[in-house]
Amino acid sequence: MKENDITGALIDIFIKVHSQLGPGLFESVYEEVICYELKKRSLTYKRQQEIGVFYDDIKMDIGFRADLIIENKVIVEIKSVELLAPVHHKQLLTYLKLTNKKVGLLVNFNVSLVKDGIVRIVNNY
């Protein structure tokens, strides 16, 4: 499955979840329900996946975690905030760079229409 196919399926899932649950819940609630929908669609995922940081070729023991990595290709960062800040975009781009992934979706569920809360971030390596 290609990144565009995965992101298309994810956007469908985000819309379905948001239409049923609405805005304003904890991020962990959306994450749990998204994982349920991923299972129903037989999409593989890793949840709260540690992202290693290497410095001088040494892996540092620090706590970066991606919310979801789908099909080992797309990183999803889930937010439920008033407004996405520039740091949220930078955080996802850093995760993409550290993992050598090409595409990530930043999704804010605390909006009236979830399509307005989805940002696609591309790592140009």
PDB file of N, CA and C in Angstrom:
ATOM      1  N   MET A   1       0.845  -1.172   0.000  1.00  0.00           N
ATOM      2  CA  MET A   1       0.000   0.000   0.000  1.00  0.00           C
ATOM      3  C   MET A   1       0.898   1.245   0.000  1.00  0.00           C
ATOM      4  N   LYS A   2       0.580   2.193  -0.849  1.00  0.00           N
ATOM      5  CA  LYS A   2       1.377   3.410  -0.964  1.00  0.00           C
ATOM      6  C   LYS A   2       0.915   4.458   0.046  1.00  0.00           C
ATOM      7  N   GLU A   3       1.796   5.435   0.297  1.00  0.00           N
ATOM      8  CA  GLU A   3       1.503   6.475   1.278  1.00  0.00           C
ATOM      9  C   GLU A   3       0.192   7.194   0.985  1.00  0.00           C
ATOM     10  N   ASN A   4      -0.071   7.512  -0.285  1.00  0.00           N
ATOM     11  CA  ASN A   4      -1.314   8.222  -0.623  1.00  0.00           C
ATOM     12  C   ASN A   4      -2.550   7.388  -0.318  1.00  0.00           C
ATOM     13  N   ASP A   5      -2.465   6.079  -0.563  1.00  0.00           N
ATOM     14  CA  ASP A   5      -3.581   5.188  -0.232  1.00  0.00           C
ATOM     15  C   ASP A   5      -3.807   5.142   1.281  1.00  0.00           C
ATOM     16  N   ILE A   6      -2.706   5.093   2.020  1.00  0.00           N
ATOM     17  CA  ILE A   6      -2.799   5.043   3.485  1.00  0.00           C
ATOM     18  C   ILE A   6      -3.393   6.338   4.024  1.00  0.00           C
ATOM     19  N   THR A   7      -2.899   7.472   3.534  1.00  0.00           N
ATOM     20  CA  THR A   7      -3.425   8.752   4.045  1.00  0.00           C
ATOM     21  C   THR A   7      -4.889   8.929   3.672  1.00  0.00           C
ATOM     22  N   GLY A   8      -5.287   8.443   2.513  1.00  0.00           N
ATOM     23  CA  GLY A   8      -6.701   8.501   2.135  1.00  0.00           C
ATOM     24  C   GLY A   8      -7.565   7.700   3.089  1.00  0.00           C
ATOM     25  N   ALA A   9      -7.113   6.484   3.425  1.00  0.00           N
ATOM     26  CA  ALA A   9      -7.850   5.650   4.377  1.00  0.00           C
ATOM     27  C   ALA A   9      -7.889   6.307   5.747  1.00  0.00           C
ATOM     28  N   LEU A  10      -6.779   6.912   6.154  1.00  0.00           N
ATOM     29  CA  LEU A  10      -6.735   7.577   7.455  1.00  0.00           C
ATOM     30  C   LEU A  10      -7.693   8.758   7.521  1.00  0.00           C
ATOM     31  N   ILE A  11      -7.747   9.553   6.469  1.00  0.00           N
ATOM     32  CA  ILE A  11      -8.667  10.698   6.461  1.00  0.00           C
ATOM     33  C   ILE A  11     -10.106  10.209   6.572  1.00  0.00           C
ATOM     34  N   ASP A  12     -10.440   9.124   5.884  1.00  0.00           N
ATOM     35  CA  ASP A  12     -11.783   8.538   6.024  1.00  0.00           C
ATOM     36  C   ASP A  12     -12.051   8.143   7.474  1.00  0.00           C
ATOM     37  N   ILE A  13     -11.053   7.528   8.103  1.00  0.00           N
ATOM     38  CA  ILE A  13     -11.199   7.117   9.501  1.00  0.00           C
ATOM     39  C   ILE A  13     -11.370   8.337  10.405  1.00  0.00           C
ATOM     40  N   PHE A  14     -10.554   9.364  10.201  1.00  0.00           N
ATOM     41  CA  PHE A  14     -10.653  10.569  11.029  1.00  0.00           C
ATOM     42  C   PHE A  14     -12.043  11.190  10.932  1.00  0.00           C
ATOM     43  N   ILE A  15     -12.575  11.257   9.720  1.00  0.00           N
ATOM     44  CA  ILE A  15     -13.909  11.832   9.522  1.00  0.00           C
ATOM     45  C   ILE A  15     -14.966  11.000  10.228  1.00  0.00           C
ATOM     46  N   LYS A  16     -14.872   9.687  10.102  1.00  0.00           N
ATOM     47  CA  LYS A  16     -15.843   8.803  10.752  1.00  0.00           C
ATOM     48  C   LYS A  16     -15.782   8.947  12.277  1.00  0.00           C
ATOM     49  N   VAL A  17     -14.567   8.921  12.822  1.00  0.00           N
ATOM     50  CA  VAL A  17     -14.396   9.016  14.275  1.00  0.00           C
ATOM     51  C   VAL A  17     -14.911  10.359  14.781  1.00  0.00           C
ATOM     52  N   HIS A  18     -14.546  11.431  14.095  1.00  0.00           N
ATOM     53  CA  HIS A  18     -14.958  12.770  14.530  1.00  0.00           C
ATOM     54  C   HIS A  18     -16.467  12.946  14.426  1.00  0.00           C
ATOM     55  N   SER A  19     -17.068  12.391  13.381  1.00  0.00           N
ATOM     56  CA  SER A  19     -18.519  12.551  13.225  1.00  0.00           C
ATOM     57  C   SER A  19     -19.275  11.805  14.325  1.00  0.00           C
ATOM     58  N   GLN A  20     -18.706  10.709  14.819  1.00  0.00           N
ATOM     59  CA  GLN A  20     -19.388   9.951  15.874  1.00  0.00           C
ATOM     60  C   GLN A  20     -19.079  10.462  17.280  1.00  0.00           C
ATOM     61  N   LEU A  21     -17.835  10.908  17.510  1.00  0.00           N
ATOM     62  CA  LEU A  21     -17.442  11.319  18.859  1.00  0.00           C
ATOM     63  C   LEU A  21     -17.488  12.827  19.072  1.00  0.00           C
ATOM     64  N   GLY A  22     -17.306  13.593  17.998  1.00  0.00           N
ATOM     65  CA  GLY A  22     -17.284  15.043  18.127  1.00  0.00           C
ATOM     66  C   GLY A  22     -15.940  15.543  18.636  1.00  0.00           C
ATOM     67  N   PRO A  23     -15.823  16.858  18.788  1.00  0.00           N
ATOM     68  CA  PRO A  23     -14.564  17.463  19.237  1.00  0.00           C
ATOM     69  C   PRO A  23     -14.433  17.469  20.755  1.00  0.00           C
ATOM     70  N   GLY A  24     -13.193  17.720  21.210  1.00  0.00           N
ATOM     71  CA  GLY A  24     -12.965  18.044  22.608  1.00  0.00           C
ATOM     72  C   GLY A  24     -12.615  16.916  23.551  1.00  0.00           C
ATOM     73  N   LEU A  25     -12.499  15.684  23.070  1.00  0.00           N
ATOM     74  CA  LEU A  25     -12.119  14.583  23.958  1.00  0.00           C
ATOM     75  C   LEU A  25     -10.595  14.524  24.099  1.00  0.00           C
ATOM     76  N   PHE A  26     -10.121  13.711  25.017  1.00  0.00           N
ATOM     77  CA  PHE A  26      -8.680  13.516  25.162  1.00  0.00           C
ATOM     78  C   PHE A  26      -8.110  12.839  23.922  1.00  0.00           C
ATOM     79  N   GLU A  27      -6.862  13.147  23.616  1.00  0.00           N
ATOM     80  CA  GLU A  27      -6.183  12.543  22.466  1.00  0.00           C
ATOM     81  C   GLU A  27      -6.171  11.021  22.557  1.00  0.00           C
ATOM     82  N   SER A  28      -6.028  10.500  23.766  1.00  0.00           N
ATOM     83  CA  SER A  28      -5.963   9.044  23.955  1.00  0.00           C
ATOM     84  C   SER A  28      -7.269   8.362  23.535  1.00  0.00           C
ATOM     85  N   VAL A  29      -8.385   9.039  23.678  1.00  0.00           N
ATOM     86  CA  VAL A  29      -9.672   8.472  23.257  1.00  0.00           C
ATOM     87  C   VAL A  29      -9.698   8.330  21.738  1.00  0.00           C
ATOM     88  N   TYR A  30      -9.305   9.392  21.034  1.00  0.00           N
ATOM     89  CA  TYR A  30      -9.275   9.334  19.572  1.00  0.00           C
ATOM     90  C   TYR A  30      -8.295   8.266  19.098  1.00  0.00           C
ATOM     91  N   GLU A  31      -7.148   8.187  19.754  1.00  0.00           N
ATOM     92  CA  GLU A  31      -6.147   7.183  19.383  1.00  0.00           C
ATOM     93  C   GLU A  31      -6.712   5.769  19.500  1.00  0.00           C
ATOM     94  N   GLU A  32      -7.384   5.496  20.585  1.00  0.00           N
ATOM     95  CA  GLU A  32      -7.962   4.160  20.812  1.00  0.00           C
ATOM     96  C   GLU A  32      -8.986   3.814  19.731  1.00  0.00           C
ATOM     97  N   VAL A  33      -9.856   4.747  19.410  1.00  0.00           N
ATOM     98  CA  VAL A  33     -10.900   4.488  18.416  1.00  0.00           C
ATOM     99  C   VAL A  33     -10.289   4.381  17.011  1.00  0.00           C
ATOM    100  N   ILE A  34      -9.294   5.196  16.715  1.00  0.00           N
ATOM    101  CA  ILE A  34      -8.611   5.087  15.414  1.00  0.00           C
ATOM    102  C   ILE A  34      -7.973   3.711  15.279  1.00  0.00           C
ATOM    103  N   CYS A  35      -7.343   3.222  16.333  1.00  0.00           N
ATOM    104  CA  CYS A  35      -6.739   1.879  16.292  1.00  0.00           C
ATOM    105  C   CYS A  35      -7.796   0.809  16.028  1.00  0.00           C
ATOM    106  N   TYR A  36      -8.943   0.957  16.637  1.00  0.00           N
ATOM    107  CA  TYR A  36     -10.048   0.028  16.389  1.00  0.00           C
ATOM    108  C   TYR A  36     -10.422   0.036  14.910  1.00  0.00           C
ATOM    109  N   GLU A  37     -10.537   1.234  14.326  1.00  0.00           N
ATOM    110  CA  GLU A  37     -10.883   1.349  12.905  1.00  0.00           C
ATOM    111  C   GLU A  37      -9.769   0.790  12.014  1.00  0.00           C
ATOM    112  N   LEU A  38      -8.517   0.985  12.401  1.00  0.00           N
ATOM    113  CA  LEU A  38      -7.395   0.432  11.627  1.00  0.00           C
ATOM    114  C   LEU A  38      -7.459  -1.096  11.610  1.00  0.00           C
ATOM    115  N   LYS A  39      -7.767  -1.690  12.756  1.00  0.00           N
ATOM    116  CA  LYS A  39      -7.913  -3.152  12.834  1.00  0.00           C
ATOM    117  C   LYS A  39      -9.028  -3.631  11.915  1.00  0.00           C
ATOM    118  N   LYS A  40     -10.162  -2.927  11.935  1.00  0.00           N
ATOM    119  CA  LYS A  40     -11.292  -3.317  11.079  1.00  0.00           C
ATOM    120  C   LYS A  40     -10.895  -3.301   9.606  1.00  0.00           C
ATOM    121  N   ARG A  41      -9.979  -2.418   9.235  1.00  0.00           N
ATOM    122  CA  ARG A  41      -9.545  -2.298   7.837  1.00  0.00           C
ATOM    123  C   ARG A  41      -8.282  -3.111   7.544  1.00  0.00           C
ATOM    124  N   SER A  42      -7.851  -3.898   8.519  1.00  0.00           N
ATOM    125  CA  SER A  42      -6.661  -4.745   8.382  1.00  0.00           C
ATOM    126  C   SER A  42      -5.399  -3.952   8.034  1.00  0.00           C
ATOM    127  N   LEU A  43      -5.311  -2.746   8.567  1.00  0.00           N
ATOM    128  CA  LEU A  43      -4.103  -1.940   8.407  1.00  0.00           C
ATOM    129  C   LEU A  43      -3.212  -2.162   9.623  1.00  0.00           C
ATOM    130  N   THR A  44      -1.939  -2.407   9.378  1.00  0.00           N
ATOM    131  CA  THR A  44      -1.019  -2.613  10.488  1.00  0.00           C
ATOM    132  C   THR A  44      -0.605  -1.266  11.056  1.00  0.00           C
ATOM    133  N   TYR A  45      -0.351  -1.254  12.348  1.00  0.00           N
ATOM    134  CA  TYR A  45       0.056  -0.012  12.997  1.00  0.00           C
ATOM    135  C   TYR A  45       0.871  -0.312  14.237  1.00  0.00           C
ATOM    136  N   LYS A  46       1.659   0.669  14.622  1.00  0.00           N
ATOM    137  CA  LYS A  46       2.363   0.650  15.897  1.00  0.00           C
ATOM    138  C   LYS A  46       1.882   1.863  16.664  1.00  0.00           C
ATOM    139  N   ARG A  47       1.632   1.643  17.920  1.00  0.00           N
ATOM    140  CA  ARG A  47       1.067   2.686  18.772  1.00  0.00           C
ATOM    141  C   ARG A  47       2.103   3.137  19.794  1.00  0.00           C
ATOM    142  N   GLN A  48       2.216   4.458  19.977  1.00  0.00           N
ATOM    143  CA  GLN A  48       3.174   5.031  20.931  1.00  0.00           C
ATOM    144  C   GLN A  48       4.574   4.470  20.692  1.00  0.00           C
ATOM    145  N   GLN A  49       4.963   4.485  19.434  1.00  0.00           N
ATOM    146  CA  GLN A  49       6.245   3.924  19.005  1.00  0.00           C
ATOM    147  C   GLN A  49       7.391   4.855  19.393  1.00  0.00           C
ATOM    148  N   GLU A  50       8.374   4.293  20.090  1.00  0.00           N
ATOM    149  CA  GLU A  50       9.559   5.070  20.465  1.00  0.00           C
ATOM    150  C   GLU A  50      10.325   5.468  19.217  1.00  0.00           C
ATOM    151  N   ILE A  51      10.793   6.696  19.213  1.00  0.00           N
ATOM    152  CA  ILE A  51      11.611   7.202  18.117  1.00  0.00           C
ATOM    153  C   ILE A  51      12.989   7.507  18.680  1.00  0.00           C
ATOM    154  N   GLY A  52      13.977   6.778  18.180  1.00  0.00           N
ATOM    155  CA  GLY A  52      15.340   6.935  18.674  1.00  0.00           C
ATOM    156  C   GLY A  52      15.999   8.195  18.155  1.00  0.00           C
ATOM    157  N   VAL A  53      16.791   8.785  19.009  1.00  0.00           N
ATOM    158  CA  VAL A  53      17.595   9.936  18.631  1.00  0.00           C
ATOM    159  C   VAL A  53      19.052   9.526  18.788  1.00  0.00           C
ATOM    160  N   PHE A  54      19.800   9.693  17.699  1.00  0.00           N
ATOM    161  CA  PHE A  54      21.212   9.348  17.727  1.00  0.00           C
ATOM    162  C   PHE A  54      22.043  10.624  17.690  1.00  0.00           C
ATOM    163  N   TYR A  55      23.041  10.637  18.542  1.00  0.00           N
ATOM    164  CA  TYR A  55      23.965  11.770  18.598  1.00  0.00           C
ATOM    165  C   TYR A  55      25.363  11.187  18.715  1.00  0.00           C
ATOM    166  N   ASP A  56      26.262  11.579  17.824  1.00  0.00           N
ATOM    167  CA  ASP A  56      27.607  10.995  17.757  1.00  0.00           C
ATOM    168  C   ASP A  56      27.522   9.470  17.685  1.00  0.00           C
ATOM    169  N   ASP A  57      26.568   8.975  16.891  1.00  0.00           N
ATOM    170  CA  ASP A  57      26.352   7.544  16.686  1.00  0.00           C
ATOM    171  C   ASP A  57      25.967   6.786  17.954  1.00  0.00           C
ATOM    172  N   ILE A  58      25.480   7.496  18.951  1.00  0.00           N
ATOM    173  CA  ILE A  58      25.028   6.866  20.186  1.00  0.00           C
ATOM    174  C   ILE A  58      23.538   7.130  20.328  1.00  0.00           C
ATOM    175  N   LYS A  59      22.785   6.062  20.600  1.00  0.00           N
ATOM    176  CA  LYS A  59      21.345   6.229  20.808  1.00  0.00           C
ATOM    177  C   LYS A  59      21.108   6.816  22.194  1.00  0.00           C
ATOM    178  N   MET A  60      20.401   7.927  22.213  1.00  0.00           N
ATOM    179  CA  MET A  60      20.084   8.601  23.464  1.00  0.00           C
ATOM    180  C   MET A  60      18.782   8.047  24.028  1.00  0.00           C
ATOM    181  N   ASP A  61      18.747   7.874  25.314  1.00  0.00           N
ATOM    182  CA  ASP A  61      17.543   7.379  25.989  1.00  0.00           C
ATOM    183  C   ASP A  61      16.635   8.554  26.339  1.00  0.00           C
ATOM    184  N   ILE A  62      15.874   8.989  25.344  1.00  0.00           N
ATOM    185  CA  ILE A  62      14.942  10.082  25.557  1.00  0.00           C
ATOM    186  C   ILE A  62      13.571   9.654  25.066  1.00  0.00           C
ATOM    187  N   GLY A  63      12.549  10.331  25.508  1.00  0.00           N
ATOM    188  CA  GLY A  63      11.194   9.831  25.353  1.00  0.00           C
ATOM    189  C   GLY A  63      10.373  10.333  24.201  1.00  0.00           C
ATOM    190  N   PHE A  64      10.904  10.386  22.993  1.00  0.00           N
ATOM    191  CA  PHE A  64      10.068  10.722  21.852  1.00  0.00           C
ATOM    192  C   PHE A  64       9.208   9.524  21.495  1.00  0.00           C
ATOM    193  N   ARG A  65       7.927   9.764  21.268  1.00  0.00           N
ATOM    194  CA  ARG A  65       7.014   8.687  20.868  1.00  0.00           C
ATOM    195  C   ARG A  65       6.053   9.220  19.817  1.00  0.00           C
ATOM    196  N   ALA A  66       5.954   8.482  18.728  1.00  0.00           N
ATOM    197  CA  ALA A  66       4.954   8.797  17.707  1.00  0.00           C
ATOM    198  C   ALA A  66       3.635   8.185  18.149  1.00  0.00           C
ATOM    199  N   ASP A  67       2.538   8.925  17.983  1.00  0.00           N
ATOM    200  CA  ASP A  67       1.236   8.381  18.371  1.00  0.00           C
ATOM    201  C   ASP A  67       0.952   7.093  17.606  1.00  0.00           C
ATOM    202  N   LEU A  68       1.033   7.169  16.272  1.00  0.00           N
ATOM    203  CA  LEU A  68       0.762   5.998  15.430  1.00  0.00           C
ATOM    204  C   LEU A  68       1.698   5.990  14.230  1.00  0.00           C
ATOM    205  N   ILE A  69       2.146   4.800  13.859  1.00  0.00           N
ATOM    206  CA  ILE A  69       2.851   4.605  12.594  1.00  0.00           C
ATOM    207  C   ILE A  69       2.063   3.533  11.844  1.00  0.00           C
ATOM    208  N   ILE A  70       1.546   3.903  10.682  1.00  0.00           N
ATOM    209  CA  ILE A  70       0.651   3.030   9.924  1.00  0.00           C
ATOM    210  C   ILE A  70       1.413   2.390   8.769  1.00  0.00           C
ATOM    211  N   GLU A  71       1.284   1.051   8.673  1.00  0.00           N
ATOM    212  CA  GLU A  71       1.910   0.283   7.585  1.00  0.00           C
ATOM    213  C   GLU A  71       3.409   0.581   7.474  1.00  0.00           C
ATOM    214  N   ASN A  72       4.007   0.988   8.575  1.00  0.00           N
ATOM    215  CA  ASN A  72       5.427   1.351   8.632  1.00  0.00           C
ATOM    216  C   ASN A  72       5.803   2.435   7.615  1.00  0.00           C
ATOM    217  N   LYS A  73       4.826   3.267   7.233  1.00  0.00           N
ATOM    218  CA  LYS A  73       5.061   4.289   6.218  1.00  0.00           C
ATOM    219  C   LYS A  73       4.583   5.677   6.605  1.00  0.00           C
ATOM    220  N   VAL A  74       3.500   5.783   7.349  1.00  0.00           N
ATOM    221  CA  VAL A  74       2.883   7.082   7.635  1.00  0.00           C
ATOM    222  C   VAL A  74       2.798   7.278   9.149  1.00  0.00           C
ATOM    223  N   ILE A  75       3.284   8.435   9.608  1.00  0.00           N
ATOM    224  CA  ILE A  75       3.191   8.774  11.027  1.00  0.00           C
ATOM    225  C   ILE A  75       1.977   9.661  11.241  1.00  0.00           C
ATOM    226  N   VAL A  76       1.224   9.366  12.293  1.00  0.00           N
ATOM    227  CA  VAL A  76       0.058  10.171  12.661  1.00  0.00           C
ATOM    228  C   VAL A  76       0.303  10.760  14.043  1.00  0.00           C
ATOM    229  N   GLU A  77       0.165  12.070  14.137  1.00  0.00           N
ATOM    230  CA  GLU A  77       0.220  12.771  15.419  1.00  0.00           C
ATOM    231  C   GLU A  77      -1.174  13.300  15.706  1.00  0.00           C
ATOM    232  N   ILE A  78      -1.741  12.879  16.817  1.00  0.00           N
ATOM    233  CA  ILE A  78      -3.107  13.236  17.197  1.00  0.00           C
ATOM    234  C   ILE A  78      -3.069  14.363  18.220  1.00  0.00           C
ATOM    235  N   LYS A  79      -3.862  15.390  17.959  1.00  0.00           N
ATOM    236  CA  LYS A  79      -3.985  16.507  18.889  1.00  0.00           C
ATOM    237  C   LYS A  79      -5.468  16.780  19.153  1.00  0.00           C
ATOM    238  N   SER A  80      -5.715  17.368  20.306  1.00  0.00           N
ATOM    239  CA  SER A  80      -7.047  17.869  20.631  1.00  0.00           C
ATOM    240  C   SER A  80      -6.828  19.189  21.360  1.00  0.00           C
ATOM    241  N   VAL A  81      -6.488  20.201  20.554  1.00  0.00           N
ATOM    242  CA  VAL A  81      -6.080  21.499  21.089  1.00  0.00           C
ATOM    243  C   VAL A  81      -6.892  22.612  20.435  1.00  0.00           C
ATOM    244  N   GLU A  82      -6.877  23.774  21.065  1.00  0.00           N
ATOM    245  CA  GLU A  82      -7.607  24.920  20.529  1.00  0.00           C
ATOM    246  C   GLU A  82      -7.111  25.279  19.133  1.00  0.00           C
ATOM    247  N   LEU A  83      -5.793  25.387  18.982  1.00  0.00           N
ATOM    248  CA  LEU A  83      -5.177  25.690  17.691  1.00  0.00           C
ATOM    249  C   LEU A  83      -3.878  24.915  17.554  1.00  0.00           C
ATOM    250  N   LEU A  84      -3.606  24.421  16.356  1.00  0.00           N
ATOM    251  CA  LEU A  84      -2.310  23.812  16.110  1.00  0.00           C
ATOM    252  C   LEU A  84      -1.259  24.916  16.087  1.00  0.00           C
ATOM    253  N   ALA A  85      -0.178  24.690  16.790  1.00  0.00           N
ATOM    254  CA  ALA A  85       0.924  25.653  16.844  1.00  0.00           C
ATOM    255  C   ALA A  85       2.014  25.228  15.857  1.00  0.00           C
ATOM    256  N   PRO A  86       2.851  26.163  15.435  1.00  0.00           N
ATOM    257  CA  PRO A  86       3.962  25.800  14.545  1.00  0.00           C
ATOM    258  C   PRO A  86       4.835  24.668  15.097  1.00  0.00           C
ATOM    259  N   VAL A  87       4.968  24.594  16.421  1.00  0.00           N
ATOM    260  CA  VAL A  87       5.781  23.532  17.011  1.00  0.00           C
ATOM    261  C   VAL A  87       5.203  22.147  16.732  1.00  0.00           C
ATOM    262  N   HIS A  88       3.889  22.027  16.598  1.00  0.00           N
ATOM    263  CA  HIS A  88       3.274  20.735  16.278  1.00  0.00           C
ATOM    264  C   HIS A  88       3.709  20.265  14.897  1.00  0.00           C
ATOM    265  N   HIS A  89       3.754  21.173  13.941  1.00  0.00           N
ATOM    266  CA  HIS A  89       4.207  20.845  12.586  1.00  0.00           C
ATOM    267  C   HIS A  89       5.676  20.423  12.610  1.00  0.00           C
ATOM    268  N   LYS A  90       6.480  21.175  13.349  1.00  0.00           N
ATOM    269  CA  LYS A  90       7.911  20.880  13.427  1.00  0.00           C
ATOM    270  C   LYS A  90       8.168  19.547  14.116  1.00  0.00           C
ATOM    271  N   GLN A  91       7.369  19.249  15.130  1.00  0.00           N
ATOM    272  CA  GLN A  91       7.501  17.987  15.848  1.00  0.00           C
ATOM    273  C   GLN A  91       7.301  16.814  14.895  1.00  0.00           C
ATOM    274  N   LEU A  92       6.237  16.859  14.108  1.00  0.00           N
ATOM    275  CA  LEU A  92       5.966  15.766  13.174  1.00  0.00           C
ATOM    276  C   LEU A  92       7.050  15.677  12.107  1.00  0.00           C
ATOM    277  N   LEU A  93       7.505  16.800  11.599  1.00  0.00           N
ATOM    278  CA  LEU A  93       8.574  16.779  10.603  1.00  0.00           C
ATOM    279  C   LEU A  93       9.846  16.167  11.193  1.00  0.00           C
ATOM    280  N   THR A  94      10.150  16.484  12.428  1.00  0.00           N
ATOM    281  CA  THR A  94      11.315  15.888  13.094  1.00  0.00           C
ATOM    282  C   THR A  94      11.146  14.382  13.215  1.00  0.00           C
ATOM    283  N   TYR A  95       9.957  13.927  13.595  1.00  0.00           N
ATOM    284  CA  TYR A  95       9.698  12.483  13.675  1.00  0.00           C
ATOM    285  C   TYR A  95       9.913  11.822  12.317  1.00  0.00           C
ATOM    286  N   LEU A  96       9.437  12.467  11.263  1.00  0.00           N
ATOM    287  CA  LEU A  96       9.624  11.918   9.912  1.00  0.00           C
ATOM    288  C   LEU A  96      11.102  11.808   9.571  1.00  0.00           C
ATOM    289  N   LYS A  97      11.854  12.836   9.894  1.00  0.00           N
ATOM    290  CA  LYS A  97      13.291  12.820   9.601  1.00  0.00           C
ATOM    291  C   LYS A  97      14.014  11.750  10.405  1.00  0.00           C
ATOM    292  N   LEU A  98      13.688  11.637  11.688  1.00  0.00           N
ATOM    293  CA  LEU A  98      14.364  10.661  12.552  1.00  0.00           C
ATOM    294  C   LEU A  98      14.073   9.211  12.151  1.00  0.00           C
ATOM    295  N   THR A  99      12.916   8.990  11.539  1.00  0.00           N
ATOM    296  CA  THR A  99      12.512   7.635  11.152  1.00  0.00           C
ATOM    297  C   THR A  99      12.679   7.357   9.654  1.00  0.00           C
ATOM    298  N   ASN A 100      13.114   8.361   8.909  1.00  0.00           N
ATOM    299  CA  ASN A 100      13.232   8.249   7.446  1.00  0.00           C
ATOM    300  C   ASN A 100      11.912   7.886   6.777  1.00  0.00           C
ATOM    301  N   LYS A 101      10.835   8.436   7.310  1.00  0.00           N
ATOM    302  CA  LYS A 101       9.522   8.268   6.691  1.00  0.00           C
ATOM    303  C   LYS A 101       9.235   9.489   5.833  1.00  0.00           C
ATOM    304  N   LYS A 102       8.403   9.305   4.821  1.00  0.00           N
ATOM    305  CA  LYS A 102       8.142  10.377   3.869  1.00  0.00           C
ATOM    306  C   LYS A 102       6.952  11.249   4.245  1.00  0.00           C
ATOM    307  N   VAL A 103       5.883  10.643   4.802  1.00  0.00           N
ATOM    308  CA  VAL A 103       4.623  11.365   4.985  1.00  0.00           C
ATOM    309  C   VAL A 103       4.090  11.186   6.404  1.00  0.00           C
ATOM    310  N   GLY A 104       3.528  12.283   6.914  1.00  0.00           N
ATOM    311  CA  GLY A 104       2.857  12.241   8.202  1.00  0.00           C
ATOM    312  C   GLY A 104       1.584  13.058   8.153  1.00  0.00           C
ATOM    313  N   LEU A 105       0.651  12.701   9.017  1.00  0.00           N
ATOM    314  CA  LEU A 105      -0.585  13.473   9.161  1.00  0.00           C
ATOM    315  C   LEU A 105      -0.669  13.984  10.589  1.00  0.00           C
ATOM    316  N   LEU A 106      -0.868  15.279  10.703  1.00  0.00           N
ATOM    317  CA  LEU A 106      -1.127  15.928  11.971  1.00  0.00           C
ATOM    318  C   LEU A 106      -2.623  16.206  11.986  1.00  0.00           C
ATOM    319  N   VAL A 107      -3.315  15.673  12.999  1.00  0.00           N
ATOM    320  CA  VAL A 107      -4.771  15.838  13.021  1.00  0.00           C
ATOM    321  C   VAL A 107      -5.204  16.401  14.364  1.00  0.00           C
ATOM    322  N   ASN A 108      -5.954  17.498  14.290  1.00  0.00           N
ATOM    323  CA  ASN A 108      -6.515  18.123  15.478  1.00  0.00           C
ATOM    324  C   ASN A 108      -8.009  17.817  15.514  1.00  0.00           C
ATOM    325  N   PHE A 109      -8.430  17.078  16.537  1.00  0.00           N
ATOM    326  CA  PHE A 109      -9.839  16.699  16.654  1.00  0.00           C
ATOM    327  C   PHE A 109     -10.683  17.747  17.362  1.00  0.00           C
ATOM    328  N   ASN A 110     -10.065  18.810  17.854  1.00  0.00           N
ATOM    329  CA  ASN A 110     -10.818  19.833  18.578  1.00  0.00           C
ATOM    330  C   ASN A 110     -11.241  20.960  17.631  1.00  0.00           C
ATOM    331  N   VAL A 111     -11.904  20.578  16.548  1.00  0.00           N
ATOM    332  CA  VAL A 111     -12.389  21.519  15.535  1.00  0.00           C
ATOM    333  C   VAL A 111     -13.817  21.127  15.169  1.00  0.00           C
ATOM    334  N   SER A 112     -14.537  22.057  14.555  1.00  0.00           N
ATOM    335  CA  SER A 112     -15.912  21.756  14.142  1.00  0.00           C
ATOM    336  C   SER A 112     -15.945  20.727  13.019  1.00  0.00           C
ATOM    337  N   LEU A 113     -15.081  20.904  12.018  1.00  0.00           N
ATOM    338  CA  LEU A 113     -14.964  19.959  10.906  1.00  0.00           C
ATOM    339  C   LEU A 113     -13.543  19.407  10.902  1.00  0.00           C
ATOM    340  N   VAL A 114     -13.411  18.111  11.079  1.00  0.00           N
ATOM    341  CA  VAL A 114     -12.074  17.532  11.217  1.00  0.00           C
ATOM    342  C   VAL A 114     -11.222  17.746   9.970  1.00  0.00           C
ATOM    343  N   LYS A 115     -11.854  17.873   8.804  1.00  0.00           N
ATOM    344  CA  LYS A 115     -11.065  18.109   7.586  1.00  0.00           C
ATOM    345  C   LYS A 115     -10.268  19.411   7.701  1.00  0.00           C
ATOM    346  N   ASP A 116     -10.762  20.347   8.501  1.00  0.00           N
ATOM    347  CA  ASP A 116     -10.042  21.599   8.726  1.00  0.00           C
ATOM    348  C   ASP A 116      -8.890  21.433   9.716  1.00  0.00           C
ATOM    349  N   GLY A 117      -8.850  20.295  10.393  1.00  0.00           N
ATOM    350  CA  GLY A 117      -7.808  20.049  11.394  1.00  0.00           C
ATOM    351  C   GLY A 117      -6.731  19.098  10.927  1.00  0.00           C
ATOM    352  N   ILE A 118      -6.746  18.709   9.654  1.00  0.00           N
ATOM    353  CA  ILE A 118      -5.770  17.748   9.135  1.00  0.00           C
ATOM    354  C   ILE A 118      -4.700  18.477   8.328  1.00  0.00           C
ATOM    355  N   VAL A 119      -3.456  18.205   8.685  1.00  0.00           N
ATOM    356  CA  VAL A 119      -2.318  18.774   7.962  1.00  0.00           C
ATOM    357  C   VAL A 119      -1.430  17.630   7.509  1.00  0.00           C
ATOM    358  N   ARG A 120      -1.125  17.616   6.213  1.00  0.00           N
ATOM    359  CA  ARG A 120      -0.215  16.623   5.648  1.00  0.00           C
ATOM    360  C   ARG A 120       1.187  17.221   5.644  1.00  0.00           C
ATOM    361  N   ILE A 121       2.146  16.498   6.229  1.00  0.00           N
ATOM    362  CA  ILE A 121       3.525  16.962   6.292  1.00  0.00           C
ATOM    363  C   ILE A 121       4.374  15.975   5.492  1.00  0.00           C
ATOM    364  N   VAL A 122       5.222  16.511   4.624  1.00  0.00           N
ATOM    365  CA  VAL A 122       6.083  15.681   3.769  1.00  0.00           C
ATOM    366  C   VAL A 122       7.528  15.943   4.127  1.00  0.00           C
ATOM    367  N   ASN A 123       8.272  14.864   4.324  1.00  0.00           N
ATOM    368  CA  ASN A 123       9.702  14.922   4.578  1.00  0.00           C
ATOM    369  C   ASN A 123      10.402  14.828   3.233  1.00  0.00           C
ATOM    370  N   ASN A 124      11.081  15.879   2.840  1.00  0.00           N
ATOM    371  CA  ASN A 124      11.795  15.884   1.573  1.00  0.00           C
ATOM    372  C   ASN A 124      13.214  15.322   1.702  1.00  0.00           C
ATOM    373  N   TYR A 125      13.454  14.638   2.803  1.00  0.00           N
ATOM    374  CA  TYR A 125      14.745  14.025   3.112  1.00  0.00           C
ATOM    375  C   TYR A 125      15.761  15.100   3.017  1.00  0.00           C
TER     376      TYR A 125
END
